[in-house]
Amino acid sequence: MTSIARSNRYHIAVFGRRNAGKSSLVNCLLGQEVSIVSDVAGTTTDTVWKNIELPGIGAAVIADTAGFDDEGELGQMRVGAARKVLARTDLAIILLGTGNDVSIEKEWYDDICKRRLPVVLISGKCDEEGSEVRLEKWKRIFGDGVIPFSAVTAQGRDELLSIMAKYFREDDNLDDITYTLVKPGDTVVLVMPQDKSAPKGRLIQPQVQTLRNLLDKHCIPMCCALEELPQLLASLVAPPRLIITDSQVFAQVEKLTPAGTRLTSFSVLMARHKGDIDAFADGAKILSAMPANGKILIAEACSHIPQNEDIGRVKLPRLLRKKLGEDLKIDIVSGNDFPEDLSGYDLIIHCGACMFNRRAVMSRVRQAKFQGVPITNYGIAIAALTGILGRVAM
């Protein structure tokens, strides 16, 4: 279970006031103490993520967030951090408080519903005196779907797990990284440059995930670096069905790809797997009409120390300026540092997002669409800039 990447897990997040019992609820679901429990309000100051295996869902990750009623300047920063968690949440759980003021719970509930995010409402501490009256109050406000829950007696735990499983829907097409590009028995060549930017001693997530997908589909994958691609192709009795390459060598691989062999990249596959392939394809069209002083935002999902010839910080900006001019303005953000206001940009180019789940990527796509800013991704943008987008299988 621990070997499954967090980006491929179902994301569940627990929200509520300070001292409402969020950490106790998380511990109860996990069957172990991973979050500190205290009667002191505000014990959880940062989001705590924990991998979990849930019946009916499988591999998931659950987040225990800071109280959304936190106070002061630092408290508001914690609330802001908790709200950012919504962008990557597949299912939200709101733990309703024990007081009479329901304004914060209602505000968060309405916000979550506007995001079209599944939400479960919990009336906690149902083993305490007065809990029945409190439950009836919540039902009058939110409806009969509120679940009474006790972390002490585990009352409501099975019902909560059952409802969580009901909300979970596995989309087989989205889960299939190579979808209809290959079928069992097809030979597939994976071109994976091992240059200075490649992680020492390991493969990057898109390469690992794609390789596993091909094995699961009973294809015949063959891996090589760019330098060995001609030798590999020459050794085959028949051309491969598909070549999947790292986007940074798209142009070089395209020249070597046999007629009749389909070509794509790991980043393009991730564009469909994690995001909106149609929106990304439309966004790439903007590159041909980009003004000389245009402004582009490059967004990386992961936070890392830039390496020599880093694709997002060095190679892609260099290619953009070579094709569109040196006056082009480029901003680069990483991790969760995605601007709320995108109106100043002509285009957003997002990475393959191997470290994000689909919900997080789609949240950014919707944000860009809402603000009228085109968005594409690394692989599709590079294919467009090198003039081979029409050759790429998407």
Protein backbone atom coordinates (compact mmCIF):
# COMPACT_ATOMS: atom_id res chain seq x y z
CA MET A 1 0.00 0.00 0.00
CA THR A 2 2.78 2.46 0.89
CA SER A 3 4.37 2.04 -2.55
CA ILE A 4 1.38 3.67 -4.30
CA ALA A 5 2.16 7.27 -5.21
CA ARG A 6 0.10 9.81 -3.27
CA SER A 7 -0.92 11.47 -6.54
CA ASN A 8 -2.68 8.22 -7.50
CA ARG A 9 -4.64 7.95 -4.25
CA TYR A 10 -8.18 9.06 -3.53
CA HIS A 11 -7.91 12.32 -1.56
CA ILE A 12 -10.18 12.80 1.47
CA ALA A 13 -9.98 15.90 3.68
CA VAL A 14 -11.55 16.62 7.08
CA PHE A 15 -12.57 20.20 7.88
CA GLY A 16 -14.09 21.80 10.97
CA ARG A 17 -13.63 24.19 13.86
CA ARG A 18 -10.80 23.97 16.34
CA ASN A 19 -11.40 21.28 18.94
CA ALA A 20 -14.38 19.87 17.03
CA GLY A 21 -12.75 16.44 17.03
CA LYS A 22 -11.22 16.32 13.52
CA SER A 23 -8.03 14.59 14.66
CA SER A 24 -10.03 12.07 16.70
CA LEU A 25 -12.17 11.31 13.66
CA VAL A 26 -9.08 10.76 11.49
CA ASN A 27 -7.50 8.50 14.13
CA CYS A 28 -10.75 6.53 14.40
CA LEU A 29 -10.92 5.98 10.66
CA LEU A 30 -7.28 4.94 10.49
CA GLY A 31 -7.43 2.77 13.59
CA GLN A 32 -4.25 4.39 14.89
CA GLU A 33 -3.10 7.68 16.38
CA VAL A 34 -1.50 9.72 13.61
CA SER A 35 -2.92 13.12 14.61
CA ILE A 36 -2.33 14.67 18.04
CA VAL A 37 -5.53 14.89 20.06
CA SER A 38 -5.95 17.54 22.75
CA ASP A 39 -8.70 19.56 24.46
CA VAL A 40 -6.69 22.66 23.63
CA ALA A 41 -8.18 24.44 20.61
CA GLY A 42 -5.81 24.75 17.67
CA THR A 43 -3.65 21.70 18.37
CA THR A 44 -3.48 20.90 14.64
CA THR A 45 -1.69 23.86 13.06
CA ASP A 46 -0.72 22.36 9.70
CA THR A 47 -2.41 19.86 7.42
CA VAL A 48 -1.48 16.27 8.28
CA TRP A 49 -1.69 13.78 5.39
CA LYS A 50 -1.81 10.05 6.03
CA ASN A 51 -1.98 7.14 3.60
CA ILE A 52 -4.87 4.77 4.24
CA GLU A 53 -6.53 1.71 2.68
CA LEU A 54 -10.32 2.05 2.71
CA PRO A 55 -12.90 -0.68 1.99
CA GLY A 56 -14.66 -0.03 -1.29
CA ILE A 57 -12.07 2.59 -2.30
CA GLY A 58 -8.63 1.08 -1.84
CA ALA A 59 -5.56 3.30 -1.66
CA ALA A 60 -6.46 6.74 -0.32
CA VAL A 61 -4.90 9.62 1.57
CA ILE A 62 -6.70 11.51 4.32
CA ALA A 63 -5.96 15.06 5.45
CA ASP A 64 -6.48 16.46 8.95
CA THR A 65 -6.64 20.25 8.55
CA ALA A 66 -6.31 23.19 10.91
CA GLY A 67 -9.54 24.63 12.34
CA PHE A 68 -11.34 26.91 9.92
CA ASP A 69 -12.25 29.24 12.79
CA ASP A 70 -8.60 29.93 13.65
CA GLU A 71 -7.85 33.51 14.69
CA GLY A 72 -5.10 36.10 14.33
CA GLU A 73 -2.75 36.72 11.45
CA LEU A 74 -1.09 33.30 11.73
CA GLY A 75 -4.45 31.66 12.21
CA GLN A 76 -5.76 33.15 8.98
CA MET A 77 -2.72 31.78 7.17
CA ARG A 78 -3.62 28.34 8.52
CA VAL A 79 -7.21 28.77 7.34
CA GLY A 80 -5.90 29.78 3.91
CA ALA A 81 -3.73 26.67 3.81
CA ALA A 82 -6.73 24.53 4.74
CA ARG A 83 -8.81 26.09 1.96
CA LYS A 84 -6.05 25.32 -0.56
CA VAL A 85 -6.45 21.65 0.34
CA LEU A 86 -9.87 21.76 -1.36
CA ALA A 87 -8.18 22.06 -4.74
CA ARG A 88 -6.85 18.51 -4.46
CA THR A 89 -9.73 16.98 -2.46
CA ASP A 90 -11.90 14.26 -4.01
CA LEU A 91 -14.21 14.04 -0.99
CA ALA A 92 -14.66 16.59 1.81
CA ILE A 93 -15.83 15.79 5.33
CA ILE A 94 -17.11 18.66 7.47
CA LEU A 95 -17.17 17.93 11.18
CA LEU A 96 -19.92 20.12 12.61
CA GLY A 97 -19.17 21.90 15.88
CA THR A 98 -20.92 21.86 19.23
CA GLY A 99 -21.75 25.58 19.50
CA ASN A 100 -24.77 27.58 18.36
CA ASP A 101 -22.97 29.62 15.70
CA VAL A 102 -23.23 27.80 12.35
CA SER A 103 -22.06 30.59 10.06
CA ILE A 104 -18.58 29.22 9.34
CA GLU A 105 -19.79 25.68 8.73
CA LYS A 106 -22.48 26.99 6.35
CA GLU A 107 -19.99 29.19 4.49
CA TRP A 108 -17.57 26.29 3.97
CA TYR A 109 -20.39 23.92 3.01
CA ASP A 110 -21.69 26.35 0.39
CA ASP A 111 -18.18 26.94 -0.98
CA ILE A 112 -17.55 23.21 -1.29
CA CYS A 113 -20.89 22.68 -3.04
CA LYS A 114 -20.07 25.47 -5.51
CA ARG A 115 -16.90 23.58 -6.37
CA ARG A 116 -19.09 20.55 -7.15
CA LEU A 117 -17.10 18.60 -4.62
CA PRO A 118 -18.74 15.66 -2.80
CA VAL A 119 -19.17 16.49 0.89
CA VAL A 120 -20.21 14.49 3.94
CA LEU A 121 -21.49 16.21 7.10
CA ILE A 122 -20.66 14.73 10.49
CA SER A 123 -22.17 15.58 13.87
CA GLY A 124 -19.32 14.66 16.20
CA LYS A 125 -19.11 13.68 19.86
CA CYS A 126 -22.48 11.94 19.67
CA ASP A 127 -21.64 10.02 22.85
CA GLU A 128 -21.85 13.24 24.88
CA GLU A 129 -24.91 14.61 26.66
CA GLY A 130 -27.00 16.89 24.44
CA SER A 131 -25.72 15.37 21.21
CA GLU A 132 -29.21 14.33 20.06
CA VAL A 133 -30.50 17.90 20.32
CA ARG A 134 -27.43 19.12 18.44
CA LEU A 135 -27.95 16.51 15.70
CA GLU A 136 -31.53 17.61 15.17
CA LYS A 137 -30.35 21.22 14.85
CA TRP A 138 -27.86 20.24 12.16
CA LYS A 139 -30.50 18.26 10.28
CA ARG A 140 -32.83 21.27 10.23
CA ILE A 141 -30.05 23.31 8.63
CA PHE A 142 -28.36 20.78 6.34
CA GLY A 143 -30.93 18.00 5.88
CA ASP A 144 -31.23 14.42 7.06
CA GLY A 145 -27.89 13.32 5.63
CA VAL A 146 -25.91 14.41 8.71
CA ILE A 147 -24.16 11.40 10.29
CA PRO A 148 -23.87 11.10 14.10
CA PHE A 149 -20.32 10.08 14.95
CA SER A 150 -18.29 9.23 18.03
CA ALA A 151 -14.54 8.67 17.93
CA VAL A 152 -14.82 7.16 21.44
CA THR A 153 -17.38 4.42 20.66
CA ALA A 154 -16.79 4.34 16.85
CA GLN A 155 -20.51 4.94 16.35
CA GLY A 156 -21.09 6.06 12.78
CA ARG A 157 -17.71 4.81 11.54
CA ASP A 158 -19.14 2.02 9.36
CA GLU A 159 -21.83 4.31 7.97
CA LEU A 160 -19.23 6.96 7.14
CA LEU A 161 -16.98 4.43 5.39
CA SER A 162 -19.96 3.13 3.41
CA ILE A 163 -20.92 6.63 2.25
CA MET A 164 -17.30 7.44 1.39
CA ALA A 165 -17.15 4.30 -0.78
CA LYS A 166 -20.42 5.28 -2.48
CA TYR A 167 -18.97 8.61 -3.56
CA PHE A 168 -15.90 6.94 -4.98
CA ARG A 169 -16.16 6.35 -8.71
CA GLU A 170 -13.27 4.81 -10.60
CA ASP A 171 -13.16 5.94 -14.22
CA ASP A 172 -11.48 3.10 -16.09
CA ASN A 173 -10.73 5.29 -19.12
CA LEU A 174 -8.99 7.95 -17.05
CA ASP A 175 -7.13 5.31 -15.07
CA ASP A 176 -5.76 3.81 -18.30
CA ILE A 177 -2.78 6.05 -19.06
CA THR A 178 -2.32 4.82 -22.63
CA TYR A 179 -6.12 4.40 -23.14
CA THR A 180 -6.77 3.38 -26.81
CA LEU A 181 -3.28 3.98 -28.19
CA VAL A 182 -2.22 0.36 -27.69
CA LYS A 183 -3.69 -3.10 -27.27
CA PRO A 184 -2.33 -6.36 -25.78
CA GLY A 185 0.67 -7.69 -27.67
CA ASP A 186 1.73 -4.32 -29.11
CA THR A 187 5.40 -3.40 -29.01
CA VAL A 188 5.95 0.00 -27.41
CA VAL A 189 9.25 1.88 -27.24
CA LEU A 190 9.84 4.26 -24.33
CA VAL A 191 12.56 6.86 -24.92
CA MET A 192 13.90 8.10 -21.58
CA PRO A 193 16.92 10.44 -21.73
CA GLN A 194 19.37 9.94 -18.90
CA ASP A 195 20.93 13.39 -18.84
CA LYS A 196 21.89 15.64 -15.92
CA SER A 197 18.25 16.51 -15.24
CA ALA A 198 17.26 12.84 -14.84
CA PRO A 199 17.04 11.71 -11.17
CA LYS A 200 20.03 9.60 -10.21
CA GLY A 201 19.25 5.96 -9.56
CA ARG A 202 15.53 6.10 -10.34
CA LEU A 203 12.90 6.89 -12.96
CA ILE A 204 10.42 9.72 -12.75
CA GLN A 205 6.79 8.95 -11.88
CA PRO A 206 5.27 9.28 -15.39
CA GLN A 207 7.80 6.78 -16.73
CA VAL A 208 7.13 4.30 -13.93
CA GLN A 209 3.35 4.67 -14.19
CA THR A 210 3.34 4.34 -17.97
CA LEU A 211 5.59 1.29 -17.89
CA ARG A 212 3.33 -0.39 -15.33
CA ASN A 213 0.25 0.49 -17.41
CA LEU A 214 1.78 -1.15 -20.48
CA LEU A 215 2.66 -4.28 -18.51
CA ASP A 216 -0.87 -4.45 -17.09
CA LYS A 217 -2.23 -4.26 -20.66
CA HIS A 218 0.12 -7.10 -21.71
CA CYS A 219 2.02 -4.95 -24.17
CA ILE A 220 5.73 -5.45 -24.87
CA PRO A 221 7.53 -2.32 -23.64
CA MET A 222 11.15 -1.64 -24.60
CA CYS A 223 13.13 1.18 -22.98
CA CYS A 224 16.14 3.12 -24.20
CA ALA A 225 17.85 6.50 -24.10
CA LEU A 226 17.74 8.75 -27.15
CA GLU A 227 21.24 7.72 -28.27
CA GLU A 228 20.25 4.03 -28.49
CA LEU A 229 16.90 4.57 -30.27
CA PRO A 230 18.24 3.97 -33.84
CA GLN A 231 19.88 0.72 -32.73
CA LEU A 232 16.73 -0.45 -30.97
CA LEU A 233 14.50 0.31 -33.95
CA ALA A 234 16.92 -1.43 -36.31
CA SER A 235 16.81 -4.57 -34.16
CA LEU A 236 13.04 -4.94 -34.44
CA VAL A 237 11.49 -7.22 -37.05
CA ALA A 238 8.55 -4.82 -37.39
CA PRO A 239 8.13 -1.17 -36.36
CA PRO A 240 6.66 -0.59 -32.89
CA ARG A 241 3.01 0.29 -32.52
CA LEU A 242 3.84 3.36 -30.42
CA ILE A 243 6.83 5.41 -29.29
CA ILE A 244 6.52 7.33 -26.02
CA THR A 245 9.24 9.87 -25.43
CA ASP A 246 10.32 12.49 -22.95
CA SER A 247 8.97 15.78 -24.34
CA GLN A 248 12.36 17.50 -24.28
CA VAL A 249 13.57 15.26 -27.15
CA PHE A 250 10.26 15.27 -29.05
CA ALA A 251 11.74 16.74 -32.24
CA GLN A 252 14.71 14.36 -32.36
CA VAL A 253 12.53 11.30 -31.76
CA GLU A 254 9.98 12.41 -34.35
CA LYS A 255 12.67 12.34 -37.05
CA LEU A 256 13.50 8.73 -36.13
CA THR A 257 9.92 7.49 -35.81
CA PRO A 258 9.01 5.01 -38.59
CA ALA A 259 6.06 5.69 -40.86
CA GLY A 260 2.96 4.06 -39.42
CA THR A 261 4.26 4.22 -35.83
CA ARG A 262 2.33 6.52 -33.53
CA LEU A 263 4.22 9.06 -31.42
CA THR A 264 3.41 10.68 -28.10
CA SER A 265 5.14 11.76 -24.90
CA PHE A 266 4.83 11.03 -21.21
CA SER A 267 3.66 14.59 -20.66
CA VAL A 268 0.93 14.30 -23.31
CA LEU A 269 -0.27 11.06 -21.73
CA MET A 270 -0.38 12.82 -18.36
CA ALA A 271 -2.34 15.68 -19.96
CA ARG A 272 -5.20 13.28 -20.65
CA HIS A 273 -4.73 11.19 -17.53
CA LYS A 274 -4.62 14.12 -15.10
CA GLY A 275 -6.23 17.04 -16.93
CA ASP A 276 -8.36 18.27 -19.84
CA ILE A 277 -6.71 17.20 -23.08
CA ASP A 278 -9.06 19.28 -25.24
CA ALA A 279 -8.40 22.45 -23.24
CA PHE A 280 -4.65 21.81 -23.40
CA ALA A 281 -4.76 21.27 -27.18
CA ASP A 282 -6.74 24.49 -27.65
CA GLY A 283 -4.33 26.36 -25.37
CA ALA A 284 -1.35 25.35 -27.50
CA LYS A 285 -2.90 27.12 -30.50
CA ILE A 286 -2.30 30.44 -28.73
CA LEU A 287 1.45 29.99 -29.19
CA SER A 288 1.21 30.77 -32.90
CA ALA A 289 -0.48 34.11 -32.15
CA MET A 290 1.47 35.09 -29.04
CA PRO A 291 2.41 38.81 -29.02
CA ALA A 292 6.11 39.65 -28.89
CA ASN A 293 5.72 41.05 -25.38
CA GLY A 294 3.30 38.35 -24.26
CA LYS A 295 3.31 36.93 -20.74
CA ILE A 296 3.36 33.22 -19.95
CA LEU A 297 3.02 31.43 -16.62
CA ILE A 298 4.92 28.14 -16.31
CA ALA A 299 3.44 26.07 -13.45
CA GLU A 300 5.23 23.09 -11.93
CA ALA A 301 3.31 20.72 -9.66
CA CYS A 302 6.31 19.72 -7.58
CA SER A 303 8.74 21.81 -5.57
CA HIS A 304 12.32 20.80 -6.26
CA ILE A 305 15.82 22.17 -6.44
CA PRO A 306 16.37 23.10 -10.11
CA GLN A 307 18.94 20.94 -11.89
CA ASN A 308 21.15 21.90 -14.82
CA GLU A 309 19.03 22.08 -17.97
CA ASP A 310 15.81 21.80 -15.93
CA ILE A 311 12.96 21.49 -18.43
CA GLY A 312 10.51 23.88 -16.76
CA ARG A 313 13.01 26.53 -15.68
CA VAL A 314 15.63 26.36 -18.45
CA LYS A 315 14.76 24.33 -21.55
CA LEU A 316 11.13 25.37 -22.01
CA PRO A 317 11.76 29.11 -21.41
CA ARG A 318 14.71 28.95 -23.81
CA LEU A 319 12.58 27.28 -26.48
CA LEU A 320 9.75 29.77 -25.94
CA ARG A 321 12.05 32.78 -26.35
CA LYS A 322 13.75 31.25 -29.38
CA LYS A 323 10.41 30.81 -31.14
CA LEU A 324 8.50 33.83 -29.81
CA GLY A 325 11.20 36.41 -29.14
CA GLU A 326 13.42 37.61 -26.32
CA ASP A 327 10.83 40.16 -25.13
CA LEU A 328 8.55 37.37 -23.93
CA LYS A 329 7.79 37.60 -20.20
CA ILE A 330 7.83 34.33 -18.27
CA ASP A 331 6.88 33.69 -14.64
CA ILE A 332 7.55 30.32 -13.01
CA VAL A 333 5.70 28.93 -9.98
CA SER A 334 5.94 25.55 -8.28
CA GLY A 335 4.03 23.41 -5.81
CA ASN A 336 0.94 25.06 -4.37
CA ASP A 337 2.06 28.58 -5.35
CA PHE A 338 -0.49 28.99 -8.14
CA PRO A 339 -1.73 32.61 -8.47
CA GLU A 340 -5.38 33.32 -7.71
CA ASP A 341 -5.40 36.12 -10.29
CA LEU A 342 -4.38 34.84 -13.74
CA SER A 343 -5.72 37.78 -15.72
CA GLY A 344 -2.27 39.18 -16.53
CA TYR A 345 -1.20 36.11 -18.50
CA ASP A 346 -1.70 35.27 -22.16
CA LEU A 347 -1.10 31.55 -21.57
CA ILE A 348 -0.44 29.03 -18.79
CA ILE A 349 1.84 26.07 -19.49
CA HIS A 350 1.46 23.38 -16.83
CA CYS A 351 3.78 20.45 -16.21
CA GLY A 352 2.62 16.84 -16.51
CA ALA A 353 1.54 17.02 -12.84
CA CYS A 354 2.77 13.57 -11.86
CA MET A 355 2.81 14.77 -8.22
CA PHE A 356 -0.80 16.04 -8.33
CA ASN A 357 -4.03 14.11 -8.41
CA ARG A 358 -6.54 14.79 -11.19
CA ARG A 359 -8.74 16.93 -8.93
CA ALA A 360 -5.87 19.38 -8.33
CA VAL A 361 -5.07 19.73 -12.04
CA MET A 362 -8.72 20.14 -13.01
CA SER A 363 -9.11 22.79 -10.33
CA ARG A 364 -6.43 24.84 -12.07
CA VAL A 365 -7.96 24.20 -15.48
CA ARG A 366 -11.35 25.43 -14.27
CA GLN A 367 -9.73 28.47 -12.66
CA ALA A 368 -8.00 29.33 -15.95
CA LYS A 369 -11.19 28.85 -17.96
CA PHE A 370 -13.21 30.97 -15.53
CA GLN A 371 -10.71 33.82 -15.90
CA GLY A 372 -10.50 33.41 -19.67
CA VAL A 373 -6.83 32.42 -19.77
CA PRO A 374 -5.79 29.57 -22.15
CA ILE A 375 -3.91 26.67 -20.57
CA THR A 376 -1.79 23.88 -22.04
CA ASN A 377 0.88 21.51 -20.78
CA TYR A 378 4.59 20.92 -21.30
CA GLY A 379 4.38 18.11 -23.85
CA ILE A 380 1.70 19.67 -26.02
CA ALA A 381 3.40 23.09 -25.92
CA ILE A 382 6.78 21.63 -26.90
CA ALA A 383 5.19 19.66 -29.75
CA ALA A 384 3.54 22.87 -31.00
CA LEU A 385 6.74 24.91 -30.70
CA THR A 386 8.75 22.30 -32.63
CA GLY A 387 6.11 21.99 -35.36
CA ILE A 388 5.19 18.36 -34.78
CA LEU A 389 1.88 18.68 -32.90
CA GLY A 390 -0.03 17.26 -35.87
CA ARG A 391 2.13 14.13 -35.66
CA VAL A 392 1.45 13.54 -31.97
CA ALA A 393 -1.15 11.02 -30.79
CA MET A 394 -3.33 12.51 -28.07
